[in-house]
Protein backbone atom coordinates (compact mmCIF):
# COMPACT_ATOMS: atom_id res chain seq x y z
CA MET A 1 -22.68 235.94 -24.02
CA THR A 2 -24.88 237.33 -21.26
CA THR A 3 -27.53 239.95 -22.14
CA PHE A 4 -29.04 242.73 -20.09
CA ALA A 5 -32.40 240.87 -20.19
CA GLU A 6 -30.76 237.79 -18.62
CA LEU A 7 -29.52 239.93 -15.76
CA GLY A 8 -33.14 240.58 -14.79
CA LEU A 9 -33.76 244.15 -15.98
CA THR A 10 -37.30 245.23 -16.88
CA ASN A 11 -38.50 245.95 -20.42
CA ASP A 12 -38.67 249.71 -19.73
CA LEU A 13 -35.00 249.79 -18.85
CA LEU A 14 -34.05 247.44 -21.72
CA LYS A 15 -35.86 249.73 -24.16
CA GLY A 16 -33.85 252.74 -22.89
CA LEU A 17 -30.57 250.84 -23.12
CA ASP A 18 -31.33 249.77 -26.60
CA GLN A 19 -31.86 253.37 -27.71
CA LEU A 20 -28.62 254.36 -25.98
CA GLY A 21 -26.74 251.68 -27.96
CA PHE A 22 -25.98 249.44 -24.98
CA SER A 23 -25.82 245.90 -26.42
CA THR A 24 -24.04 243.65 -23.89
CA PRO A 25 -23.07 244.21 -20.27
CA THR A 26 -19.49 244.89 -19.26
CA PRO A 27 -17.86 242.53 -16.75
CA VAL A 28 -18.57 244.83 -13.78
CA GLN A 29 -22.22 245.25 -14.86
CA GLU A 30 -22.58 241.49 -15.28
CA GLU A 31 -21.33 240.91 -11.70
CA VAL A 32 -22.92 243.83 -9.86
CA ILE A 33 -26.40 244.22 -11.39
CA PRO A 34 -27.81 240.87 -10.08
CA LEU A 35 -26.36 241.57 -6.63
CA LEU A 36 -27.95 244.98 -6.36
CA LEU A 37 -31.33 243.88 -7.78
CA ALA A 38 -31.54 241.51 -4.82
CA LEU A 39 -30.22 244.22 -2.43
CA ARG A 40 -29.45 241.78 0.35
CA HIS A 41 -25.77 242.59 0.87
CA ASP A 42 -23.40 245.50 1.10
CA VAL A 43 -21.14 245.44 -1.99
CA VAL A 44 -17.54 246.56 -2.56
CA ALA A 45 -16.74 246.78 -6.31
CA LEU A 46 -13.14 247.29 -7.35
CA SER A 47 -13.06 248.35 -10.96
CA GLN A 48 -11.21 250.94 -13.06
CA THR A 49 -12.96 254.10 -14.24
CA GLY A 50 -14.55 253.79 -17.66
CA THR A 51 -15.74 250.22 -17.18
CA GLY A 52 -19.49 250.97 -16.96
CA LYS A 53 -19.79 251.49 -13.21
CA THR A 54 -22.62 254.05 -13.43
CA ALA A 55 -24.86 251.59 -15.24
CA ALA A 56 -23.76 248.79 -12.89
CA TYR A 57 -25.35 250.50 -9.90
CA GLY A 58 -27.72 252.93 -11.61
CA LEU A 59 -29.82 250.40 -13.49
CA PRO A 60 -30.72 248.23 -10.49
CA LEU A 61 -31.45 251.25 -8.31
CA LEU A 62 -33.86 252.62 -10.91
CA GLN A 63 -35.57 249.25 -11.13
CA LEU A 64 -35.89 249.01 -7.32
CA LEU A 65 -37.29 252.55 -7.05
CA ASP A 66 -40.82 252.79 -5.55
CA ARG A 67 -42.22 255.58 -7.63
CA GLN A 68 -45.32 255.88 -5.44
CA ARG A 69 -43.19 257.08 -2.52
CA ARG A 70 -42.11 260.70 -2.57
CA GLU A 71 -39.17 260.56 -0.12
CA THR A 72 -35.54 260.03 -1.08
CA GLN A 73 -34.82 256.29 -1.46
CA PHE A 74 -31.32 256.22 -2.85
CA LEU A 75 -28.24 258.39 -2.36
CA ILE A 76 -25.19 258.52 -4.68
CA LEU A 77 -22.10 260.36 -3.50
CA CYS A 78 -19.42 261.50 -5.99
CA PRO A 79 -16.08 263.32 -5.44
CA THR A 80 -16.61 266.17 -7.95
CA ARG A 81 -19.18 268.38 -9.58
CA GLU A 82 -18.39 267.01 -13.05
CA LEU A 83 -18.94 263.36 -12.01
CA CYS A 84 -22.06 264.36 -10.12
CA VAL A 85 -23.59 266.04 -13.15
CA GLN A 86 -22.59 263.19 -15.41
CA VAL A 87 -24.04 260.48 -13.18
CA ALA A 88 -27.35 262.33 -12.80
CA GLY A 89 -27.47 262.76 -16.60
CA ASP A 90 -26.77 259.06 -17.23
CA LEU A 91 -29.48 258.02 -14.77
CA ASN A 92 -31.99 260.29 -16.51
CA ASN A 93 -31.04 258.75 -19.82
CA PHE A 94 -31.51 255.19 -18.43
CA ALA A 95 -34.89 256.21 -16.97
CA ARG A 96 -36.36 257.78 -20.10
CA TYR A 97 -39.17 255.21 -20.17
CA LEU A 98 -39.73 255.22 -16.38
CA PRO A 99 -42.30 257.96 -15.62
CA GLY A 100 -42.15 259.66 -12.20
CA VAL A 101 -38.45 259.20 -11.61
CA LYS A 102 -37.05 262.40 -10.02
CA ILE A 103 -33.24 262.66 -9.80
CA VAL A 104 -31.64 265.75 -8.33
CA ALA A 105 -27.94 266.64 -8.57
CA VAL A 106 -26.56 268.51 -5.61
CA TYR A 107 -23.04 270.00 -5.84
CA GLY A 108 -20.96 273.03 -5.08
CA GLY A 109 -20.22 275.84 -7.52
CA ALA A 110 -23.88 276.21 -8.51
CA SER A 111 -26.89 278.08 -7.16
CA ILE A 112 -27.85 276.65 -3.79
CA VAL A 113 -31.32 278.28 -4.15
CA GLY A 114 -32.06 276.44 -7.38
CA GLN A 115 -30.97 273.10 -5.93
CA SER A 116 -33.00 273.76 -2.78
CA ARG A 117 -36.14 274.29 -4.92
CA GLN A 118 -35.53 271.03 -6.74
CA LEU A 119 -35.17 269.17 -3.46
CA GLN A 120 -38.39 270.66 -2.10
CA ARG A 121 -40.23 269.32 -5.16
CA GLY A 122 -39.11 265.82 -4.20
CA ALA A 123 -36.05 263.73 -5.12
CA ARG A 124 -36.34 259.96 -5.31
CA ILE A 125 -32.61 259.75 -6.01
CA ILE A 126 -30.03 262.33 -4.90
CA VAL A 127 -26.67 262.46 -6.64
CA ALA A 128 -24.33 264.67 -4.65
CA THR A 129 -20.90 265.82 -3.64
CA PRO A 130 -20.30 265.42 0.08
CA GLY A 131 -19.70 269.07 0.99
CA ARG A 132 -22.90 270.54 -0.54
CA LEU A 133 -25.06 267.59 0.64
CA LEU A 134 -23.84 267.97 4.24
CA ALA A 135 -24.72 271.72 4.08
CA PHE A 136 -28.28 270.82 3.03
CA ILE A 137 -28.53 268.16 5.77
CA ASN A 138 -27.35 270.63 8.44
CA GLU A 139 -29.95 273.15 7.22
CA GLY A 140 -32.68 270.50 7.41
CA LYS A 141 -33.38 270.67 3.68
CA VAL A 142 -32.50 267.02 2.96
CA ASP A 143 -33.77 264.00 4.80
CA ILE A 144 -31.89 260.77 4.19
CA LYS A 145 -33.26 258.85 7.18
CA SER A 146 -35.36 256.56 4.99
CA ILE A 147 -32.89 255.73 2.19
CA ARG A 148 -32.60 252.10 1.18
CA ALA A 149 -29.00 252.30 -0.14
CA VAL A 150 -26.09 254.66 -0.49
CA VAL A 151 -23.51 254.43 -3.28
CA LEU A 152 -19.98 255.78 -2.79
CA ASP A 153 -18.71 256.31 -6.33
CA GLU A 154 -14.93 256.68 -6.71
CA ALA A 155 -14.56 256.30 -2.95
CA ASP A 156 -10.79 256.42 -3.08
CA GLU A 157 -10.91 259.74 -4.83
CA MET A 158 -13.34 261.18 -2.28
CA LEU A 159 -11.06 260.23 0.58
CA GLN A 160 -7.96 261.48 -1.24
CA MET A 161 -9.70 264.83 -1.60
CA GLY A 162 -10.27 265.07 2.13
CA PHE A 163 -13.97 264.16 2.44
CA GLN A 164 -13.42 261.63 5.27
CA GLU A 165 -15.16 263.76 7.94
CA ASP A 166 -18.01 264.75 5.59
CA LEU A 167 -18.58 261.09 4.63
CA ASN A 168 -18.60 260.06 8.29
CA ALA A 169 -21.25 262.74 9.10
CA ILE A 170 -23.40 261.78 6.10
CA LEU A 171 -23.28 258.05 6.69
CA ALA A 172 -24.07 258.61 10.37
CA ALA A 173 -27.34 260.30 9.29
CA THR A 174 -28.46 257.25 7.22
CA PRO A 175 -30.58 254.33 8.63
CA ALA A 176 -28.69 251.37 10.09
CA ASP A 177 -30.47 248.89 7.81
CA LYS A 178 -29.58 250.60 4.49
CA LYS A 179 -27.23 248.88 2.10
CA THR A 180 -23.88 250.44 1.27
CA ILE A 181 -22.38 250.04 -2.19
CA LEU A 182 -18.77 251.17 -2.59
CA PHE A 183 -17.06 251.59 -6.00
CA SER A 184 -13.34 252.26 -6.09
CA ALA A 185 -10.45 251.93 -8.62
CA THR A 186 -7.98 251.27 -5.76
CA MET A 187 -8.26 249.97 -2.23
CA PRO A 188 -6.06 252.10 0.04
CA ARG A 189 -6.35 251.82 3.80
CA GLU A 190 -8.74 254.75 4.04
CA VAL A 191 -11.25 252.95 1.78
CA THR A 192 -10.76 249.75 3.78
CA GLY A 193 -11.49 251.77 6.91
CA ILE A 194 -14.78 253.11 5.53
CA ALA A 195 -15.72 249.55 4.45
CA SER A 196 -15.00 248.05 7.92
CA ARG A 197 -16.76 250.87 9.77
CA TYR A 198 -19.97 251.24 7.75
CA MET A 199 -20.41 247.92 5.89
CA LYS A 200 -21.61 244.54 7.17
CA SER A 201 -19.86 241.51 5.61
CA PRO A 202 -19.75 243.11 2.15
CA VAL A 203 -19.58 241.03 -0.99
CA GLU A 204 -16.44 241.99 -2.91
CA VAL A 205 -16.50 242.13 -6.69
CA THR A 206 -13.04 242.62 -8.22
CA ILE A 207 -12.65 243.14 -11.97
CA GLY A 208 -9.02 242.18 -12.66
CA GLN A 209 -6.85 242.27 -9.54
CA ARG A 210 -6.82 244.67 -6.64
CA ASN A 211 -5.03 248.00 -7.44
CA GLN A 212 -4.28 246.71 -10.92
CA GLY A 213 -4.02 248.92 -13.99
CA VAL A 214 -6.38 248.92 -16.96
CA GLU A 215 -5.83 245.93 -19.28
CA ASN A 216 -5.84 247.72 -22.60
CA VAL A 217 -3.46 250.59 -21.71
CA ARG A 218 0.14 250.55 -22.93
CA HIS A 219 2.56 252.01 -20.41
CA LEU A 220 5.63 253.74 -21.86
CA TYR A 221 8.41 255.94 -20.43
CA TYR A 222 11.03 258.23 -21.91
CA LEU A 223 14.33 259.00 -20.18
CA ALA A 224 15.17 262.69 -20.34
CA ALA A 225 17.16 265.18 -18.32
CA ALA A 226 15.10 267.59 -16.24
CA LYS A 227 16.02 270.52 -18.51
CA ASN A 228 14.69 268.61 -21.54
CA ARG A 229 11.30 267.74 -20.07
CA TYR A 230 9.32 270.32 -22.07
CA PRO A 231 11.18 269.72 -25.41
CA THR A 232 10.49 265.97 -24.87
CA LEU A 233 6.78 266.74 -24.34
CA LYS A 234 6.72 268.69 -27.58
CA ARG A 235 8.31 265.84 -29.51
CA ILE A 236 5.82 263.35 -28.10
CA VAL A 237 2.93 265.57 -29.14
CA ASP A 238 4.39 266.28 -32.61
CA SER A 239 4.99 262.58 -33.24
CA ASN A 240 1.31 261.85 -32.44
CA PRO A 241 -0.56 264.40 -34.67
CA ASP A 242 -4.02 263.12 -33.69
CA ILE A 243 -3.31 263.14 -29.94
CA TYR A 244 -6.23 263.94 -27.62
CA GLY A 245 -4.83 263.78 -24.15
CA ILE A 246 -4.27 264.98 -20.64
CA VAL A 247 -0.83 266.17 -19.47
CA PHE A 248 -0.49 265.69 -15.71
CA CYS A 249 1.79 268.03 -13.76
CA ARG A 250 2.73 268.01 -10.08
CA THR A 251 1.84 271.60 -9.13
CA ARG A 252 -0.45 274.44 -10.14
CA GLN A 253 2.56 276.56 -11.04
CA GLU A 254 3.96 273.93 -13.38
CA THR A 255 0.51 273.37 -14.90
CA ARG A 256 0.24 277.05 -15.79
CA GLU A 257 3.77 277.24 -17.18
CA VAL A 258 3.42 274.16 -19.36
CA ALA A 259 0.03 275.19 -20.70
CA GLU A 260 1.32 278.70 -21.51
CA LYS A 261 4.36 277.33 -23.32
CA LEU A 262 2.19 274.96 -25.38
CA ILE A 263 -0.19 277.80 -26.34
CA GLU A 264 2.76 280.08 -27.28
CA ASP A 265 4.12 277.26 -29.47
CA GLY A 266 0.84 276.97 -31.35
CA TYR A 267 -0.81 273.94 -29.70
CA ARG A 268 -4.47 273.83 -28.78
CA ALA A 269 -3.99 273.53 -25.05
CA ASP A 270 -5.32 274.90 -21.78
CA ALA A 271 -4.77 274.47 -18.05
CA LEU A 272 -7.01 272.97 -15.37
CA HIS A 273 -5.98 273.66 -11.79
CA GLY A 274 -7.40 274.59 -8.40
CA GLU A 275 -7.20 278.34 -8.86
CA LEU A 276 -9.83 278.47 -11.61
CA SER A 277 -13.32 279.56 -10.70
CA GLN A 278 -16.16 277.12 -11.39
CA GLY A 279 -17.16 279.17 -14.47
CA GLN A 280 -13.64 279.12 -15.87
CA ARG A 281 -13.31 275.38 -15.16
CA ASP A 282 -16.62 274.75 -17.01
CA LEU A 283 -15.41 276.72 -20.03
CA VAL A 284 -12.12 274.76 -20.20
CA MET A 285 -13.85 271.42 -19.86
CA ARG A 286 -16.51 272.29 -22.47
CA ALA A 287 -13.78 273.22 -24.95
CA PHE A 288 -11.88 270.00 -24.20
CA ARG A 289 -14.98 267.79 -24.61
CA GLN A 290 -15.73 269.55 -27.90
CA ARG A 291 -12.10 268.94 -28.99
CA LYS A 292 -11.44 272.61 -29.41
CA ILE A 293 -8.61 271.87 -27.00
CA GLN A 294 -6.30 269.00 -27.95
CA LEU A 295 -4.24 268.95 -24.73
CA LEU A 296 -5.55 269.49 -21.21
CA VAL A 297 -2.75 270.28 -18.77
CA ALA A 298 -3.93 269.45 -15.26
CA THR A 299 -3.03 268.69 -11.69
CA ASP A 300 -4.28 265.44 -10.03
CA VAL A 301 -6.65 267.33 -7.77
CA ALA A 302 -8.20 269.41 -10.55
CA ALA A 303 -8.68 266.37 -12.82
CA ARG A 304 -10.44 264.25 -10.16
CA GLY A 305 -13.82 262.95 -11.27
CA LEU A 306 -13.30 263.92 -14.91
CA ASP A 307 -14.81 261.43 -17.37
CA VAL A 308 -14.03 262.32 -20.95
CA LYS A 309 -14.49 259.86 -23.82
CA ASP A 310 -11.84 258.67 -26.23
CA ILE A 311 -8.74 260.05 -24.50
CA SER A 312 -5.90 258.69 -26.59
CA HIS A 313 -2.87 259.62 -24.38
CA ILE A 314 -2.13 260.30 -20.75
CA ILE A 315 1.22 262.11 -20.40
CA ASN A 316 2.85 262.15 -16.99
CA TYR A 317 4.97 265.25 -17.22
CA ASN A 318 6.06 264.30 -13.73
CA LEU A 319 5.28 260.93 -12.10
CA PRO A 320 3.01 261.22 -9.09
CA ASP A 321 4.14 260.54 -5.57
CA ASP A 322 1.95 257.45 -5.09
CA VAL A 323 0.91 254.48 -7.26
CA ALA A 324 -2.78 255.12 -6.61
CA SER A 325 -2.57 258.48 -8.36
CA TYR A 326 -0.85 256.88 -11.35
CA THR A 327 -3.62 254.28 -11.43
CA HIS A 328 -6.25 257.03 -11.66
CA ARG A 329 -4.33 258.97 -14.23
CA SER A 330 -3.76 256.06 -16.58
CA GLY A 331 -7.35 254.89 -16.06
CA ARG A 332 -8.64 257.91 -17.95
CA THR A 333 -7.58 256.31 -21.30
CA GLY A 334 -8.24 252.83 -22.67
CA ARG A 335 -11.95 252.99 -21.79
CA ALA A 336 -14.97 251.19 -23.25
CA GLY A 337 -12.80 248.48 -24.89
CA LYS A 338 -10.59 250.96 -26.70
CA GLU A 339 -6.81 251.03 -26.46
CA GLY A 340 -4.95 253.87 -24.78
CA ILE A 341 -1.43 254.96 -24.00
CA SER A 342 -0.07 256.20 -20.68
CA LEU A 343 3.45 257.58 -20.90
CA ALA A 344 5.86 259.20 -18.52
CA ILE A 345 8.79 261.55 -18.94
CA VAL A 346 11.31 260.31 -16.41
CA GLN A 347 14.75 261.35 -15.24
CA PRO A 348 17.22 258.47 -14.98
CA ARG A 349 17.35 258.80 -11.20
CA GLU A 350 13.55 258.33 -11.09
CA LYS A 351 13.58 254.92 -12.71
CA TYR A 352 13.01 253.23 -9.42
CA LYS A 353 9.50 254.78 -9.46
CA ILE A 354 8.75 252.93 -12.67
CA LYS A 355 9.76 249.67 -11.04
CA GLU A 356 7.50 250.36 -8.07
CA ILE A 357 4.49 251.15 -10.32
CA GLU A 358 5.19 247.95 -12.33
CA ARG A 359 5.22 245.90 -9.20
CA ARG A 360 2.05 247.36 -7.77
CA LEU A 361 0.05 247.52 -11.01
CA LYS A 362 1.36 244.20 -12.33
CA ARG A 363 1.93 245.95 -15.66
CA LYS A 364 5.23 246.24 -17.62
CA PHE A 365 6.43 249.61 -18.90
CA GLU A 366 8.13 249.86 -22.28
CA GLN A 367 11.13 252.13 -22.52
CA SER A 368 10.75 254.25 -25.69
CA ARG A 369 13.27 256.45 -27.38
CA ILE A 370 12.48 260.14 -27.67
CA PRO A 371 12.01 260.59 -31.42
CA SER A 372 14.66 262.49 -33.36
CA GLY A 373 13.86 265.62 -35.32
CA GLU A 374 14.07 263.73 -38.56
CA ASP A 375 11.74 261.02 -37.32
CA ILE A 376 9.13 263.61 -36.33
CA CYS A 377 9.32 265.45 -39.63
CA ARG A 378 8.95 262.22 -41.62
CA GLN A 379 6.01 261.15 -39.41
CA LEU A 380 4.24 264.47 -39.76
CA MET A 381 4.63 264.57 -43.52
CA MET A 382 3.41 261.01 -44.04
CA HIS A 383 0.45 261.60 -41.75
CA TYR A 384 -0.47 264.70 -43.78
CA LEU A 385 -0.11 262.85 -47.14
CA ASP A 386 -2.15 259.91 -45.92
CA LYS A 387 -4.98 262.22 -44.86
CA LEU A 388 -4.75 264.02 -48.18
CA LYS A 389 -5.05 260.76 -50.13
CA ASP A 390 -8.01 259.62 -48.03
CA ARG A 391 -9.84 262.96 -48.24
CA HIS A 392 -13.01 262.89 -50.29
CA VAL A 393 -13.61 266.24 -51.96
CA ASP A 394 -15.48 267.41 -54.98
CA THR A 395 -12.64 267.94 -57.43
CA THR A 396 -15.00 269.37 -60.10
CA LEU A 397 -14.97 272.65 -58.13
CA LEU A 398 -11.60 273.34 -59.76
CA ASP A 399 -12.63 272.53 -63.31
CA PRO A 400 -13.09 276.21 -64.39
CA PHE A 401 -9.59 277.03 -63.19
CA MET A 402 -7.55 273.95 -64.18
CA SER A 403 -6.22 275.32 -67.46
CA THR A 404 -4.96 278.48 -65.70
CA ILE A 405 -3.39 276.40 -62.88
CA LYS A 406 -1.64 274.02 -65.30
CA LYS A 407 -0.24 276.91 -67.36
CA ALA A 408 1.09 278.63 -64.18
CA LEU A 409 2.86 275.38 -63.05
CA GLU A 410 4.29 274.44 -66.46
CA PRO A 411 7.81 275.77 -65.73
CA LEU A 412 8.12 273.49 -62.66
CA GLU A 413 9.37 269.91 -62.85
CA ARG A 414 7.41 267.25 -60.91
CA GLU A 415 10.04 267.02 -58.14
CA GLU A 416 10.30 270.76 -57.84
CA LEU A 417 6.53 271.04 -57.54
CA VAL A 418 6.50 268.40 -54.75
CA ARG A 419 9.24 270.28 -52.86
CA CYS A 420 7.39 273.56 -53.12
CA PHE A 421 4.14 271.94 -51.99
CA MET A 422 5.69 270.23 -48.94
CA LEU A 423 7.80 273.21 -47.89
CA GLU A 424 4.76 275.45 -47.93
CA LYS A 425 3.23 273.20 -45.30
CA PHE A 426 6.28 272.05 -43.28
CA GLU A 427 9.04 274.62 -43.60
CA ALA A 428 8.70 275.79 -39.97
CA PHE A 429 8.82 272.23 -38.62
CA LEU A 430 11.86 271.36 -40.82
CA ARG A 431 13.79 274.42 -39.69
CA TYR A 432 13.00 273.68 -36.06
CA TYR A 433 13.72 269.97 -36.02
CA LEU A 434 16.34 269.00 -38.61
CA GLU A 435 19.27 270.25 -36.46
CA ALA A 436 17.62 269.33 -33.14
CA PRO A 437 19.80 267.46 -30.67
CA ASP A 438 19.21 263.98 -29.29
CA LEU A 439 17.20 264.31 -26.07
CA ASN A 440 17.53 260.71 -24.84
CA ALA A 441 19.32 260.67 -21.50
CA ARG A 442 22.20 258.19 -21.14
CA GLU A 443 22.05 256.57 -17.75
CA PRO A 444 25.78 255.87 -17.21
CA GLU A 445 26.70 259.47 -18.05
CA VAL A 446 24.02 260.89 -15.71
CA LYS A 447 25.05 258.55 -12.93
CA GLY A 448 28.73 259.58 -13.34
CA ARG A 449 27.84 263.29 -13.19
CA VAL A 450 25.92 262.79 -9.96
CA GLU A 451 28.73 260.79 -8.36
CA ARG A 452 31.35 263.40 -9.42
CA ARG A 453 29.20 266.26 -8.09
CA GLU A 454 28.76 264.48 -4.73
CA ARG A 455 32.47 263.81 -4.41
CA ARG A 456 33.26 267.45 -5.24
CA ALA A 457 30.76 268.64 -2.62
CA GLY A 458 32.09 266.21 0.01
CA ALA A 459 32.32 267.49 3.53
CA GLY A 460 32.09 271.05 2.32
CA HIS A 461 28.37 270.54 1.64
CA HIS A 462 27.76 269.57 5.23
CA LEU A 463 29.91 272.42 6.48
CA SER A 464 28.08 275.04 4.42
CA ALA A 465 24.72 273.61 5.59
CA ALA A 466 25.94 273.83 9.18
CA LYS A 467 27.26 277.38 8.76
CA GLY A 468 23.94 278.54 7.35
CA ARG A 469 21.80 276.89 9.97
CA GLU A 470 20.85 280.18 11.60
CA ARG A 471 19.14 281.23 8.39
CA PHE A 472 16.68 278.33 8.58
CA SER A 473 13.56 277.85 10.65
CA ARG A 474 12.36 274.39 11.62
CA PHE A 475 8.75 273.46 10.83
CA HIS A 476 6.62 270.59 12.17
CA LEU A 477 3.99 268.91 9.96
CA ASN A 478 1.50 266.40 11.33
CA VAL A 479 1.97 263.96 8.42
CA GLY A 480 4.71 261.41 7.98
CA LYS A 481 5.67 258.09 6.32
CA LYS A 482 2.38 256.40 7.09
CA ASP A 483 0.67 259.14 5.12
CA GLY A 484 2.81 258.59 2.05
CA VAL A 485 4.80 261.82 2.44
CA ASN A 486 8.03 262.22 0.54
CA PRO A 487 10.50 265.13 0.22
CA GLY A 488 9.65 265.90 -3.44
CA ARG A 489 6.01 266.45 -2.54
CA LEU A 490 6.83 268.82 0.30
CA ILE A 491 9.32 270.88 -1.72
CA GLY A 492 6.79 271.07 -4.59
CA GLU A 493 4.06 272.43 -2.35
CA ILE A 494 6.37 275.13 -0.98
CA ASN A 495 7.52 276.10 -4.48
CA ASP A 496 4.01 276.01 -5.92
CA ALA A 497 2.35 278.13 -3.26
CA THR A 498 5.12 280.69 -2.65
CA THR A 499 6.83 281.60 -5.90
CA ARG A 500 4.24 283.50 -7.88
CA GLY A 501 6.04 286.77 -7.51
CA GLY A 502 9.63 286.07 -6.55
CA ALA A 503 12.51 283.66 -6.00
CA ARG A 504 12.07 280.14 -4.76
CA ILE A 505 12.19 279.60 -1.00
CA ARG A 506 15.29 277.69 0.08
CA VAL A 507 14.60 274.42 1.81
CA GLY A 508 17.11 272.78 4.14
CA ARG A 509 17.00 269.36 5.79
CA ILE A 510 13.91 267.21 5.75
CA GLU A 511 13.27 264.37 8.19
CA ILE A 512 10.18 262.25 7.63
CA MET A 513 9.19 260.18 10.70
CA LYS A 514 6.35 257.67 10.94
CA ASN A 515 3.70 260.18 12.17
CA PHE A 516 5.17 263.60 11.52
CA THR A 517 7.76 265.50 9.53
CA LEU A 518 10.40 268.14 10.40
CA LEU A 519 11.72 270.37 7.69
CA GLU A 520 13.88 273.48 7.48
CA ALA A 521 13.24 276.50 5.25
CA ASP A 522 14.42 280.07 4.91
CA SER A 523 13.56 281.96 8.09
CA ARG A 524 12.44 285.04 6.22
CA PHE A 525 9.40 283.17 4.83
CA GLU A 526 7.94 281.49 7.91
CA ALA A 527 4.40 282.74 7.27
CA GLU A 528 4.57 281.72 3.61
CA VAL A 529 5.72 278.15 4.37
CA ILE A 530 3.07 277.62 7.04
CA GLY A 531 0.52 279.09 4.59
CA ALA A 532 1.65 276.69 1.86
CA PHE A 533 0.59 273.70 3.96
CA SER A 534 -2.39 275.12 5.77
CA GLY A 535 -5.54 273.29 4.66
CA LEU A 536 -3.58 271.01 2.30
CA MET A 537 -4.86 267.41 2.10
CA ILE A 538 -2.33 264.56 1.80
CA ASN A 539 -3.78 261.13 1.22
CA GLY A 540 -7.05 262.13 2.93
CA ARG A 541 -5.44 263.81 5.96
CA ARG A 542 -5.59 267.58 6.57
CA VAL A 543 -2.10 268.99 7.09
CA VAL A 544 -1.36 271.21 10.11
CA ALA A 545 1.93 273.13 9.99
CA ARG A 546 3.59 275.04 12.79
CA LEU A 547 7.04 276.25 13.87
CA GLY A 548 8.97 273.38 15.46
CA ALA A 549 9.48 273.33 19.20
CA GLU A 550 12.93 273.74 20.65
CA SER A 551 12.83 270.17 21.87
CA GLU A 552 12.22 268.87 18.30
CA LYS A 553 15.79 268.28 17.23
CA MET A 554 16.97 267.14 13.78
CA SER A 555 19.82 264.79 13.10
CA ALA A 556 23.24 266.40 12.51
CA ARG A 557 23.64 265.09 8.96
CA PRO A 558 21.45 266.11 6.07
CA VAL A 559 18.78 263.56 5.18
CA HIS A 560 18.68 263.05 1.40
CA ALA A 561 15.44 262.05 -0.27
CA PHE A 562 15.11 258.53 -1.67
CA ARG A 563 18.57 257.40 -0.50
CA LYS A 564 18.71 253.59 -0.35
CA LYS A 565 19.88 251.98 2.89
CA LYS A 566 23.24 250.28 2.72
CA ARG A 567 23.20 246.57 3.26
CA LYS A 568 25.22 245.30 6.17
CA LYS A 569 28.07 243.04 5.23
CA PRO A 570 27.98 239.47 6.57
CA GLY A 571 29.42 239.25 10.01
CA LYS A 572 29.14 243.00 10.71
CA TYR A 573 26.84 244.12 13.54
């Protein structure tokens, strides 16, 4: 087994690692540390979150630091404030026996004056989010012309969040002879583009396989009708009493609704979404890290860059639109050698998404049955009794009262006493669950209902759509199939951004081309629809929405999302 000393780290760093409890390097640390200590090549490291990436690049950079030089020597870019603060904190912990190491964290949502003062006092290493760093560069308060290396941590997340232009501007301000180190959980084309543009013959280190899921995460899914999604979530939570997890929703609206329902039903939950101020976000995350919150309900965007230890479950209330997002979600559990569970609540018609994720991640999903009410009650009671038996308390505290207690309980038989004891604790659960229906969706029945509904609609559906065409406006979006757009995502954005005070906006036909999309929506809400997409980022590209031109015609028939193409019969052309 390789040790940190064998990787070539100095005694001062080894002493700090020992105090932090680091005993043996993880696979990514074993591969990357020697490469970066030499600092001869650009490096692309593909590894899941939670595998020790910060130490993999942080330790060698600290060792290579020339503490006699005052200027900035290394730059680390992170997608979010939380990750930025965490990385800076980890580096300071590693460097506790290295005097003269000055690390400054630069990020949005905090005082720009305070950060400016820290930079003026000198920063050997800057850990930054792209937006705030670029602001300092443009103001002339940061000089990165002499850096020896730049690290792009969670590069795929940065590009997904729309930092492509900021990264281009920052990297253009760095010296040509610096080394670039890129860490990413997945390797989409945007990351490949950064690597080909700014890196010279990089050495690739892949832990596992490209775009593969975390090894020690079990992937489960439950089949449920859409109307039973929230009751299914409750049963999952109730059947896992010690759950400490993140519930991922598709939209901000859904995130708020699910969190509010959980809180109303007595769960320790809260929401994390883009509408929270930085102060509110910090409060929620502090409560979650301290386990005052058991369930964090979040959108993908709001949860980017989060690194929380010992997450037991990731719950996909809705599956994401792309496999990369699922990879990032599930990668938040099963860290540091521990096992984790990533589960999804899926409608039968969405099963094809499970197959696609299985194919891309090279991981098999297990189909699980939604537990019955009786199963949950039994599980909860046994969990309580097991904890009661294992609890170590000073029973002598009751000695002065035992004679009184025994006398009061004398009329009760043993079984009657047990019943009273358990009902006092579980009566509410028993009343709620014992008559609860089976929530498991049956695929043949669901399929039959869909087919019957489509047959009933028949040509009348097309006729009604045609009759109502004058009530729809056509919109043009500058994103299409090559950007990973799908109808569900577009409808979700419209619903999320435009339904806070009223009814949902009706959406008509959607046609997704290679480079752009045409969609129809209620003409009364043209400004709202355009506003819903303005400034939105989809897979790293900023969306521009406008009213469609007269020349931009749509096909006569409605285009249904996710419809499979019919295979041509042999001999038919």
